[in-house]
PDB file of N, CA and C in Angstrom:
ATOM      1  N   UNK A   1      62.359  36.577 161.065  1.00  0.00           N
ATOM      2  CA  UNK A   1      61.176  37.082 161.732  1.00  0.00           C
ATOM      3  C   UNK A   1      60.045  37.137 160.697  1.00  0.00           C
ATOM      4  N   UNK A   2      58.858  36.701 161.101  1.00  0.00           N
ATOM      5  CA  UNK A   2      57.695  36.694 160.212  1.00  0.00           C
ATOM      6  C   UNK A   2      57.247  38.116 159.891  1.00  0.00           C
ATOM      7  N   UNK A   3      56.522  38.248 158.778  1.00  0.00           N
ATOM      8  CA  UNK A   3      56.023  39.555 158.360  1.00  0.00           C
ATOM      9  C   UNK A   3      55.131  40.170 159.433  1.00  0.00           C
ATOM     10  N   UNK A   4      54.300  39.358 160.057  1.00  0.00           N
ATOM     11  CA  UNK A   4      53.412  39.862 161.109  1.00  0.00           C
ATOM     12  C   UNK A   4      54.219  40.395 162.294  1.00  0.00           C
ATOM     13  N   UNK A   5      55.279  39.699 162.643  1.00  0.00           N
ATOM     14  CA  UNK A   5      56.144  40.156 163.737  1.00  0.00           C
ATOM     15  C   UNK A   5      56.840  41.459 163.370  1.00  0.00           C
ATOM     16  N   UNK A   6      57.300  41.562 162.127  1.00  0.00           N
ATOM     17  CA  UNK A   6      57.945  42.799 161.676  1.00  0.00           C
ATOM     18  C   UNK A   6      56.972  43.973 161.718  1.00  0.00           C
ATOM     19  N   UNK A   7      55.731  43.735 161.318  1.00  0.00           N
ATOM     20  CA  UNK A   7      54.710  44.775 161.374  1.00  0.00           C
ATOM     21  C   UNK A   7      54.449  45.181 162.822  1.00  0.00           C
ATOM     22  N   UNK A   8      54.416  44.197 163.722  1.00  0.00           N
ATOM     23  CA  UNK A   8      54.198  44.480 165.145  1.00  0.00           C
ATOM     24  C   UNK A   8      55.324  45.341 165.706  1.00  0.00           C
ATOM     25  N   UNK A   9      56.555  45.017 165.350  1.00  0.00           N
ATOM     26  CA  UNK A   9      57.715  45.781 165.820  1.00  0.00           C
ATOM     27  C   UNK A   9      57.669  47.203 165.258  1.00  0.00           C
ATOM     28  N   UNK A  10      57.371  47.340 163.978  1.00  0.00           N
ATOM     29  CA  UNK A  10      57.291  48.657 163.346  1.00  0.00           C
ATOM     30  C   UNK A  10      56.217  49.516 164.013  1.00  0.00           C
ATOM     31  N   UNK A  11      55.035  48.949 164.231  1.00  0.00           N
ATOM     32  CA  UNK A  11      53.937  49.692 164.862  1.00  0.00           C
ATOM     33  C   UNK A  11      54.291  50.082 166.293  1.00  0.00           C
ATOM     34  N   UNK A  12      54.908  49.169 167.029  1.00  0.00           N
ATOM     35  CA  UNK A  12      55.277  49.450 168.420  1.00  0.00           C
ATOM     36  C   UNK A  12      56.308  50.568 168.501  1.00  0.00           C
ATOM     37  N   UNK A  13      57.260  50.571 167.587  1.00  0.00           N
ATOM     38  CA  UNK A  13      58.257  51.647 167.576  1.00  0.00           C
ATOM     39  C   UNK A  13      57.609  52.995 167.263  1.00  0.00           C
ATOM     40  N   UNK A  14      56.631  52.989 166.372  1.00  0.00           N
ATOM     41  CA  UNK A  14      55.904  54.218 166.065  1.00  0.00           C
ATOM     42  C   UNK A  14      55.111  54.727 167.255  1.00  0.00           C
ATOM     43  N   UNK A  15      54.441  53.828 167.951  1.00  0.00           N
ATOM     44  CA  UNK A  15      53.677  54.206 169.146  1.00  0.00           C
ATOM     45  C   UNK A  15      54.616  54.756 170.211  1.00  0.00           C
ATOM     46  N   UNK A  16      55.764  54.139 170.366  1.00  0.00           N
ATOM     47  CA  UNK A  16      56.738  54.610 171.347  1.00  0.00           C
ATOM     48  C   UNK A  16      57.192  56.025 171.018  1.00  0.00           C
ATOM     49  N   UNK A  17      57.476  56.270 169.746  1.00  0.00           N
ATOM     50  CA  UNK A  17      57.913  57.602 169.333  1.00  0.00           C
ATOM     51  C   UNK A  17      56.833  58.638 169.641  1.00  0.00           C
ATOM     52  N   UNK A  18      55.590  58.320 169.318  1.00  0.00           N
ATOM     53  CA  UNK A  18      54.474  59.239 169.592  1.00  0.00           C
ATOM     54  C   UNK A  18      54.342  59.489 171.087  1.00  0.00           C
ATOM     55  N   UNK A  19      54.401  58.417 171.883  1.00  0.00           N
ATOM     56  CA  UNK A  19      54.277  58.572 173.340  1.00  0.00           C
ATOM     57  C   UNK A  19      55.372  59.463 173.911  1.00  0.00           C
ATOM     58  N   UNK A  20      56.612  59.234 173.460  1.00  0.00           N
ATOM     59  CA  UNK A  20      57.733  59.991 174.019  1.00  0.00           C
ATOM     60  C   UNK A  20      57.755  61.445 173.556  1.00  0.00           C
ATOM     61  N   UNK A  21      57.432  61.692 172.287  1.00  0.00           N
ATOM     62  CA  UNK A  21      57.562  63.042 171.739  1.00  0.00           C
ATOM     63  C   UNK A  21      56.331  63.924 171.913  1.00  0.00           C
ATOM     64  N   UNK A  22      55.155  63.337 171.887  1.00  0.00           N
ATOM     65  CA  UNK A  22      53.948  64.151 171.979  1.00  0.00           C
ATOM     66  C   UNK A  22      53.279  64.076 173.347  1.00  0.00           C
ATOM     67  N   UNK A  23      53.326  62.909 173.975  1.00  0.00           N
ATOM     68  CA  UNK A  23      52.672  62.739 175.271  1.00  0.00           C
ATOM     69  C   UNK A  23      53.654  62.859 176.430  1.00  0.00           C
ATOM     70  N   UNK A  24      54.934  62.944 176.123  1.00  0.00           N
ATOM     71  CA  UNK A  24      55.999  63.043 177.126  1.00  0.00           C
ATOM     72  C   UNK A  24      55.890  61.917 178.155  1.00  0.00           C
ATOM     73  N   UNK A  25      55.582  60.726 177.663  1.00  0.00           N
ATOM     74  CA  UNK A  25      55.470  59.540 178.509  1.00  0.00           C
ATOM     75  C   UNK A  25      56.721  58.684 178.327  1.00  0.00           C
ATOM     76  N   UNK A  26      56.937  57.757 179.236  1.00  0.00           N
ATOM     77  CA  UNK A  26      58.129  56.910 179.182  1.00  0.00           C
ATOM     78  C   UNK A  26      58.005  55.769 178.176  1.00  0.00           C
ATOM     79  N   UNK A  27      56.799  55.450 177.762  1.00  0.00           N
ATOM     80  CA  UNK A  27      56.559  54.389 176.767  1.00  0.00           C
ATOM     81  C   UNK A  27      57.153  53.060 177.206  1.00  0.00           C
ATOM     82  N   UNK A  28      56.805  52.611 178.410  1.00  0.00           N
ATOM     83  CA  UNK A  28      57.346  51.354 178.912  1.00  0.00           C
ATOM     84  C   UNK A  28      56.417  50.171 178.704  1.00  0.00           C
ATOM     85  N   UNK A  29      55.154  50.399 178.409  1.00  0.00           N
ATOM     86  CA  UNK A  29      54.195  49.313 178.292  1.00  0.00           C
ATOM     87  C   UNK A  29      53.376  49.334 177.001  1.00  0.00           C
ATOM     88  N   UNK A  30      52.901  50.489 176.607  1.00  0.00           N
ATOM     89  CA  UNK A  30      51.999  50.583 175.451  1.00  0.00           C
ATOM     90  C   UNK A  30      52.601  50.026 174.158  1.00  0.00           C
ATOM     91  N   UNK A  31      53.868  50.278 173.842  1.00  0.00           N
ATOM     92  CA  UNK A  31      54.418  49.680 172.615  1.00  0.00           C
ATOM     93  C   UNK A  31      54.319  48.152 172.624  1.00  0.00           C
ATOM     94  N   UNK A  32      54.580  47.546 173.768  1.00  0.00           N
ATOM     95  CA  UNK A  32      54.460  46.094 173.883  1.00  0.00           C
ATOM     96  C   UNK A  32      53.028  45.621 173.721  1.00  0.00           C
ATOM     97  N   UNK A  33      52.079  46.378 174.270  1.00  0.00           N
ATOM     98  CA  UNK A  33      50.660  46.023 174.114  1.00  0.00           C
ATOM     99  C   UNK A  33      50.258  46.049 172.648  1.00  0.00           C
ATOM    100  N   UNK A  34      50.713  47.070 171.930  1.00  0.00           N
ATOM    101  CA  UNK A  34      50.400  47.182 170.501  1.00  0.00           C
ATOM    102  C   UNK A  34      51.031  46.019 169.733  1.00  0.00           C
ATOM    103  N   UNK A  35      52.291  45.727 170.016  1.00  0.00           N
ATOM    104  CA  UNK A  35      52.980  44.625 169.334  1.00  0.00           C
ATOM    105  C   UNK A  35      52.272  43.298 169.590  1.00  0.00           C
ATOM    106  N   UNK A  36      51.866  43.060 170.828  1.00  0.00           N
ATOM    107  CA  UNK A  36      51.182  41.809 171.168  1.00  0.00           C
ATOM    108  C   UNK A  36      49.791  41.733 170.544  1.00  0.00           C
ATOM    109  N   UNK A  37      49.146  42.871 170.372  1.00  0.00           N
ATOM    110  CA  UNK A  37      47.821  42.887 169.737  1.00  0.00           C
ATOM    111  C   UNK A  37      47.952  42.498 168.259  1.00  0.00           C
ATOM    112  N   UNK A  38      49.004  42.988 167.608  1.00  0.00           N
ATOM    113  CA  UNK A  38      49.217  42.682 166.190  1.00  0.00           C
ATOM    114  C   UNK A  38      49.721  41.259 166.014  1.00  0.00           C
ATOM    115  N   UNK A  39      50.671  40.852 166.852  1.00  0.00           N
ATOM    116  CA  UNK A  39      51.227  39.495 166.784  1.00  0.00           C
ATOM    117  C   UNK A  39      51.380  38.944 168.195  1.00  0.00           C
ATOM    118  N   UNK A  40      50.447  38.105 168.638  1.00  0.00           N
ATOM    119  CA  UNK A  40      50.513  37.549 169.993  1.00  0.00           C
ATOM    120  C   UNK A  40      51.764  36.702 170.258  1.00  0.00           C
ATOM    121  N   UNK A  41      52.469  36.310 169.192  1.00  0.00           N
ATOM    122  CA  UNK A  41      53.661  35.465 169.338  1.00  0.00           C
ATOM    123  C   UNK A  41      54.960  36.235 169.123  1.00  0.00           C
ATOM    124  N   UNK A  42      54.919  37.559 169.193  1.00  0.00           N
ATOM    125  CA  UNK A  42      56.096  38.385 168.912  1.00  0.00           C
ATOM    126  C   UNK A  42      57.192  38.214 169.969  1.00  0.00           C
ATOM    127  N   UNK A  43      56.839  37.790 171.155  1.00  0.00           N
ATOM    128  CA  UNK A  43      57.831  37.640 172.228  1.00  0.00           C
ATOM    129  C   UNK A  43      58.920  36.630 171.857  1.00  0.00           C
ATOM    130  N   UNK A  44      58.545  35.554 171.188  1.00  0.00           N
ATOM    131  CA  UNK A  44      59.516  34.523 170.807  1.00  0.00           C
ATOM    132  C   UNK A  44      60.653  35.048 169.945  1.00  0.00           C
ATOM    133  N   UNK A  45      60.331  35.661 168.805  1.00  0.00           N
ATOM    134  CA  UNK A  45      61.413  36.191 167.963  1.00  0.00           C
ATOM    135  C   UNK A  45      62.249  37.264 168.658  1.00  0.00           C
ATOM    136  N   UNK A  46      61.604  38.090 169.472  1.00  0.00           N
ATOM    137  CA  UNK A  46      62.351  39.137 170.178  1.00  0.00           C
ATOM    138  C   UNK A  46      63.286  38.535 171.219  1.00  0.00           C
ATOM    139  N   UNK A  47      62.859  37.454 171.860  1.00  0.00           N
ATOM    140  CA  UNK A  47      63.699  36.810 172.875  1.00  0.00           C
ATOM    141  C   UNK A  47      64.937  36.170 172.252  1.00  0.00           C
ATOM    142  N   UNK A  48      64.942  36.006 170.933  1.00  0.00           N
ATOM    143  CA  UNK A  48      66.111  35.480 170.244  1.00  0.00           C
ATOM    144  C   UNK A  48      67.324  36.391 170.359  1.00  0.00           C
ATOM    145  N   UNK A  49      67.118  37.634 170.790  1.00  0.00           N
ATOM    146  CA  UNK A  49      68.230  38.563 171.014  1.00  0.00           C
ATOM    147  C   UNK A  49      69.092  38.134 172.197  1.00  0.00           C
ATOM    148  N   UNK A  50      68.537  37.319 173.064  1.00  0.00           N
ATOM    149  CA  UNK A  50      69.229  36.941 174.301  1.00  0.00           C
ATOM    150  C   UNK A  50      70.133  35.743 174.032  1.00  0.00           C
ATOM    151  N   UNK A  51      71.299  36.011 173.520  1.00  0.00           N
ATOM    152  CA  UNK A  51      72.228  34.957 173.105  1.00  0.00           C
ATOM    153  C   UNK A  51      72.835  34.192 174.284  1.00  0.00           C
ATOM    154  N   UNK A  52      73.006  34.860 175.419  1.00  0.00           N
ATOM    155  CA  UNK A  52      73.679  34.235 176.557  1.00  0.00           C
ATOM    156  C   UNK A  52      72.714  33.792 177.645  1.00  0.00           C
ATOM    157  N   UNK A  53      71.412  33.800 177.368  1.00  0.00           N
ATOM    158  CA  UNK A  53      70.435  33.371 178.359  1.00  0.00           C
ATOM    159  C   UNK A  53      69.786  34.543 179.059  1.00  0.00           C
ATOM    160  N   UNK A  54      69.062  34.232 180.116  1.00  0.00           N
ATOM    161  CA  UNK A  54      68.339  35.280 180.832  1.00  0.00           C
ATOM    162  C   UNK A  54      68.282  34.975 182.320  1.00  0.00           C
ATOM    163  N   UNK A  55      67.991  35.995 183.088  1.00  0.00           N
ATOM    164  CA  UNK A  55      67.801  35.883 184.534  1.00  0.00           C
ATOM    165  C   UNK A  55      66.427  36.453 184.831  1.00  0.00           C
ATOM    166  N   UNK A  56      65.617  35.706 185.559  1.00  0.00           N
ATOM    167  CA  UNK A  56      64.283  36.181 185.937  1.00  0.00           C
ATOM    168  C   UNK A  56      64.265  36.458 187.431  1.00  0.00           C
ATOM    169  N   UNK A  57      63.685  37.583 187.804  1.00  0.00           N
ATOM    170  CA  UNK A  57      63.538  37.954 189.210  1.00  0.00           C
ATOM    171  C   UNK A  57      62.046  37.949 189.512  1.00  0.00           C
ATOM    172  N   UNK A  58      61.639  37.183 190.511  1.00  0.00           N
ATOM    173  CA  UNK A  58      60.215  37.148 190.858  1.00  0.00           C
ATOM    174  C   UNK A  58      60.052  37.252 192.373  1.00  0.00           C
ATOM    175  N   UNK A  59      58.889  37.681 192.782  1.00  0.00           N
ATOM    176  CA  UNK A  59      58.599  37.848 194.198  1.00  0.00           C
ATOM    177  C   UNK A  59      57.520  38.890 194.384  1.00  0.00           C
ATOM    178  N   UNK A  60      57.235  39.218 195.626  1.00  0.00           N
ATOM    179  CA  UNK A  60      56.180  40.179 195.926  1.00  0.00           C
ATOM    180  C   UNK A  60      56.706  41.601 195.923  1.00  0.00           C
ATOM    181  N   UNK A  61      57.788  41.841 196.610  1.00  0.00           N
ATOM    182  CA  UNK A  61      58.341  43.194 196.737  1.00  0.00           C
ATOM    183  C   UNK A  61      59.813  43.200 196.337  1.00  0.00           C
ATOM    184  N   UNK A  62      60.279  44.322 195.795  1.00  0.00           N
ATOM    185  CA  UNK A  62      61.703  44.516 195.540  1.00  0.00           C
ATOM    186  C   UNK A  62      62.221  43.992 194.221  1.00  0.00           C
ATOM    187  N   UNK A  63      61.339  43.613 193.298  1.00  0.00           N
ATOM    188  CA  UNK A  63      61.799  43.059 192.022  1.00  0.00           C
ATOM    189  C   UNK A  63      62.598  44.064 191.195  1.00  0.00           C
ATOM    190  N   UNK A  64      62.107  45.280 191.084  1.00  0.00           N
ATOM    191  CA  UNK A  64      62.792  46.279 190.258  1.00  0.00           C
ATOM    192  C   UNK A  64      64.148  46.634 190.848  1.00  0.00           C
ATOM    193  N   UNK A  65      64.215  46.799 192.153  1.00  0.00           N
ATOM    194  CA  UNK A  65      65.488  47.109 192.809  1.00  0.00           C
ATOM    195  C   UNK A  65      66.482  45.975 192.614  1.00  0.00           C
ATOM    196  N   UNK A  66      66.036  44.734 192.846  1.00  0.00           N
ATOM    197  CA  UNK A  66      66.908  43.572 192.672  1.00  0.00           C
ATOM    198  C   UNK A  66      67.359  43.453 191.219  1.00  0.00           C
ATOM    199  N   UNK A  67      66.433  43.635 190.296  1.00  0.00           N
ATOM    200  CA  UNK A  67      66.743  43.599 188.871  1.00  0.00           C
ATOM    201  C   UNK A  67      67.828  44.612 188.516  1.00  0.00           C
ATOM    202  N   UNK A  68      67.667  45.833 188.983  1.00  0.00           N
ATOM    203  CA  UNK A  68      68.626  46.886 188.651  1.00  0.00           C
ATOM    204  C   UNK A  68      69.988  46.640 189.289  1.00  0.00           C
ATOM    205  N   UNK A  69      70.019  46.078 190.491  1.00  0.00           N
ATOM    206  CA  UNK A  69      71.295  45.724 191.127  1.00  0.00           C
ATOM    207  C   UNK A  69      72.008  44.624 190.342  1.00  0.00           C
ATOM    208  N   UNK A  70      71.261  43.609 189.919  1.00  0.00           N
ATOM    209  CA  UNK A  70      71.849  42.526 189.128  1.00  0.00           C
ATOM    210  C   UNK A  70      72.391  43.070 187.807  1.00  0.00           C
ATOM    211  N   UNK A  71      71.614  43.931 187.144  1.00  0.00           N
ATOM    212  CA  UNK A  71      72.055  44.526 185.869  1.00  0.00           C
ATOM    213  C   UNK A  71      73.356  45.294 186.041  1.00  0.00           C
ATOM    214  N   UNK A  72      73.416  46.102 187.077  1.00  0.00           N
ATOM    215  CA  UNK A  72      74.618  46.909 187.322  1.00  0.00           C
ATOM    216  C   UNK A  72      75.827  46.014 187.603  1.00  0.00           C
ATOM    217  N   UNK A  73      75.620  44.951 188.378  1.00  0.00           N
ATOM    218  CA  UNK A  73      76.718  44.035 188.693  1.00  0.00           C
ATOM    219  C   UNK A  73      77.239  43.351 187.429  1.00  0.00           C
ATOM    220  N   UNK A  74      76.326  42.925 186.558  1.00  0.00           N
ATOM    221  CA  UNK A  74      76.739  42.268 185.314  1.00  0.00           C
ATOM    222  C   UNK A  74      77.449  43.262 184.392  1.00  0.00           C
ATOM    223  N   UNK A  75      76.931  44.482 184.303  1.00  0.00           N
ATOM    224  CA  UNK A  75      77.590  45.519 183.495  1.00  0.00           C
ATOM    225  C   UNK A  75      78.985  45.822 184.026  1.00  0.00           C
ATOM    226  N   UNK A  76      79.122  45.898 185.343  1.00  0.00           N
ATOM    227  CA  UNK A  76      80.427  46.187 185.948  1.00  0.00           C
ATOM    228  C   UNK A  76      81.430  45.069 185.721  1.00  0.00           C
ATOM    229  N   UNK A  77      80.938  43.853 185.444  1.00  0.00           N
ATOM    230  CA  UNK A  77      81.852  42.745 185.168  1.00  0.00           C
ATOM    231  C   UNK A  77      82.295  42.729 183.700  1.00  0.00           C
ATOM    232  N   UNK A  78      81.811  43.710 182.919  1.00  0.00           N
ATOM    233  CA  UNK A  78      82.245  43.833 181.535  1.00  0.00           C
ATOM    234  C   UNK A  78      81.341  43.160 180.518  1.00  0.00           C
ATOM    235  N   UNK A  79      80.195  42.672 180.933  1.00  0.00           N
ATOM    236  CA  UNK A  79      79.272  42.009 180.018  1.00  0.00           C
ATOM    237  C   UNK A  79      78.180  42.970 179.561  1.00  0.00           C
ATOM    238  N   UNK A  80      77.586  42.665 178.416  1.00  0.00           N
ATOM    239  CA  UNK A  80      76.462  43.476 177.936  1.00  0.00           C
ATOM    240  C   UNK A  80      75.167  42.935 178.542  1.00  0.00           C
ATOM    241  N   UNK A  81      74.229  43.841 178.776  1.00  0.00           N
ATOM    242  CA  UNK A  81      72.986  43.483 179.456  1.00  0.00           C
ATOM    243  C   UNK A  81      71.809  44.121 178.738  1.00  0.00           C
ATOM    244  N   UNK A  82      70.766  43.346 178.531  1.00  0.00           N
ATOM    245  CA  UNK A  82      69.484  43.884 178.092  1.00  0.00           C
ATOM    246  C   UNK A  82      68.606  43.844 179.336  1.00  0.00           C
ATOM    247  N   UNK A  83      68.271  44.998 179.853  1.00  0.00           N
ATOM    248  CA  UNK A  83      67.647  45.080 181.171  1.00  0.00           C
ATOM    249  C   UNK A  83      66.378  45.921 181.121  1.00  0.00           C
ATOM    250  N   UNK A  84      65.338  45.457 181.784  1.00  0.00           N
ATOM    251  CA  UNK A  84      64.082  46.199 181.892  1.00  0.00           C
ATOM    252  C   UNK A  84      64.137  47.027 183.173  1.00  0.00           C
ATOM    253  N   UNK A  85      64.836  48.134 183.132  1.00  0.00           N
ATOM    254  CA  UNK A  85      65.037  48.965 184.320  1.00  0.00           C
ATOM    255  C   UNK A  85      63.783  49.708 184.765  1.00  0.00           C
ATOM    256  N   UNK A  86      62.818  49.856 183.875  1.00  0.00           N
ATOM    257  CA  UNK A  86      61.611  50.620 184.205  1.00  0.00           C
ATOM    258  C   UNK A  86      60.698  49.876 185.171  1.00  0.00           C
ATOM    259  N   UNK A  87      60.858  48.580 185.295  1.00  0.00           N
ATOM    260  CA  UNK A  87      60.013  47.821 186.203  1.00  0.00           C
ATOM    261  C   UNK A  87      58.691  47.406 185.592  1.00  0.00           C
ATOM    262  N   UNK A  88      58.523  47.598 184.296  1.00  0.00           N
ATOM    263  CA  UNK A  88      57.303  47.155 183.614  1.00  0.00           C
ATOM    264  C   UNK A  88      57.438  45.657 183.382  1.00  0.00           C
ATOM    265  N   UNK A  89      57.033  44.861 184.373  1.00  0.00           N
ATOM    266  CA  UNK A  89      57.359  43.440 184.349  1.00  0.00           C
ATOM    267  C   UNK A  89      56.229  42.528 183.882  1.00  0.00           C
ATOM    268  N   UNK A  90      55.161  43.083 183.345  1.00  0.00           N
ATOM    269  CA  UNK A  90      54.135  42.256 182.720  1.00  0.00           C
ATOM    270  C   UNK A  90      54.579  41.986 181.279  1.00  0.00           C
ATOM    271  N   UNK A  91      53.867  41.108 180.573  1.00  0.00           N
ATOM    272  CA  UNK A  91      54.292  40.696 179.235  1.00  0.00           C
ATOM    273  C   UNK A  91      54.518  41.882 178.300  1.00  0.00           C
ATOM    274  N   UNK A  92      53.639  42.870 178.339  1.00  0.00           N
ATOM    275  CA  UNK A  92      53.795  44.021 177.441  1.00  0.00           C
ATOM    276  C   UNK A  92      55.058  44.818 177.762  1.00  0.00           C
ATOM    277  N   UNK A  93      55.408  44.924 179.037  1.00  0.00           N
ATOM    278  CA  UNK A  93      56.632  45.621 179.428  1.00  0.00           C
ATOM    279  C   UNK A  93      57.883  44.870 179.011  1.00  0.00           C
ATOM    280  N   UNK A  94      57.822  43.544 179.093  1.00  0.00           N
ATOM    281  CA  UNK A  94      58.961  42.722 178.666  1.00  0.00           C
ATOM    282  C   UNK A  94      59.154  42.847 177.152  1.00  0.00           C
ATOM    283  N   UNK A  95      58.055  42.806 176.407  1.00  0.00           N
ATOM    284  CA  UNK A  95      58.141  42.977 174.953  1.00  0.00           C
ATOM    285  C   UNK A  95      58.738  44.343 174.622  1.00  0.00           C
ATOM    286  N   UNK A  96      58.288  45.385 175.321  1.00  0.00           N
ATOM    287  CA  UNK A  96      58.827  46.731 175.079  1.00  0.00           C
ATOM    288  C   UNK A  96      60.330  46.769 175.351  1.00  0.00           C
ATOM    289  N   UNK A  97      60.764  46.163 176.448  1.00  0.00           N
ATOM    290  CA  UNK A  97      62.195  46.143 176.774  1.00  0.00           C
ATOM    291  C   UNK A  97      62.991  45.422 175.688  1.00  0.00           C
ATOM    292  N   UNK A  98      62.461  44.310 175.190  1.00  0.00           N
ATOM    293  CA  UNK A  98      63.151  43.576 174.130  1.00  0.00           C
ATOM    294  C   UNK A  98      63.147  44.346 172.810  1.00  0.00           C
ATOM    295  N   UNK A  99      62.093  45.105 172.560  1.00  0.00           N
ATOM    296  CA  UNK A  99      62.017  45.905 171.335  1.00  0.00           C
ATOM    297  C   UNK A  99      63.134  46.937 171.253  1.00  0.00           C
ATOM    298  N   UNK A 100      63.452  47.542 172.381  1.00  0.00           N
ATOM    299  CA  UNK A 100      64.378  48.671 172.368  1.00  0.00           C
ATOM    300  C   UNK A 100      65.741  48.349 172.954  1.00  0.00           C
ATOM    301  N   UNK A 101      65.940  47.122 173.395  1.00  0.00           N
ATOM    302  CA  UNK A 101      67.241  46.737 173.925  1.00  0.00           C
ATOM    303  C   UNK A 101      68.163  46.257 172.822  1.00  0.00           C
ATOM    304  N   UNK A 102      69.439  46.395 173.057  1.00  0.00           N
ATOM    305  CA  UNK A 102      70.429  45.885 172.114  1.00  0.00           C
ATOM    306  C   UNK A 102      70.666  44.416 172.419  1.00  0.00           C
ATOM    307  N   UNK A 103      71.244  43.703 171.465  1.00  0.00           N
ATOM    308  CA  UNK A 103      71.529  42.285 171.685  1.00  0.00           C
ATOM    309  C   UNK A 103      72.455  42.118 172.874  1.00  0.00           C
ATOM    310  N   UNK A 104      72.159  41.115 173.681  1.00  0.00           N
ATOM    311  CA  UNK A 104      72.975  40.860 174.869  1.00  0.00           C
ATOM    312  C   UNK A 104      73.299  39.390 174.965  1.00  0.00           C
TER     313      UNK A 104
END
């Protein structure tokens, strides 16, 4: 990971900590916005955590519900899942999910 990407990840984790501990917010989007502001290409290195591929859910309504059902089904089959359960499905939310998810 490039130095700029590492700085973006470090700053985003700090923002998340501040949001959760002082603002009592869920920190589902702002950390990703900060990371993308510092390094617009941070999504690539973070997506490298997805060793077994990914599943994208798109549509007008029901994305978060469908996403969470798919995640639960995969977890119940004994596999590990990196899942954006909060429903923050814009780029900043995806970056935030990848920042705090374990390798899957």
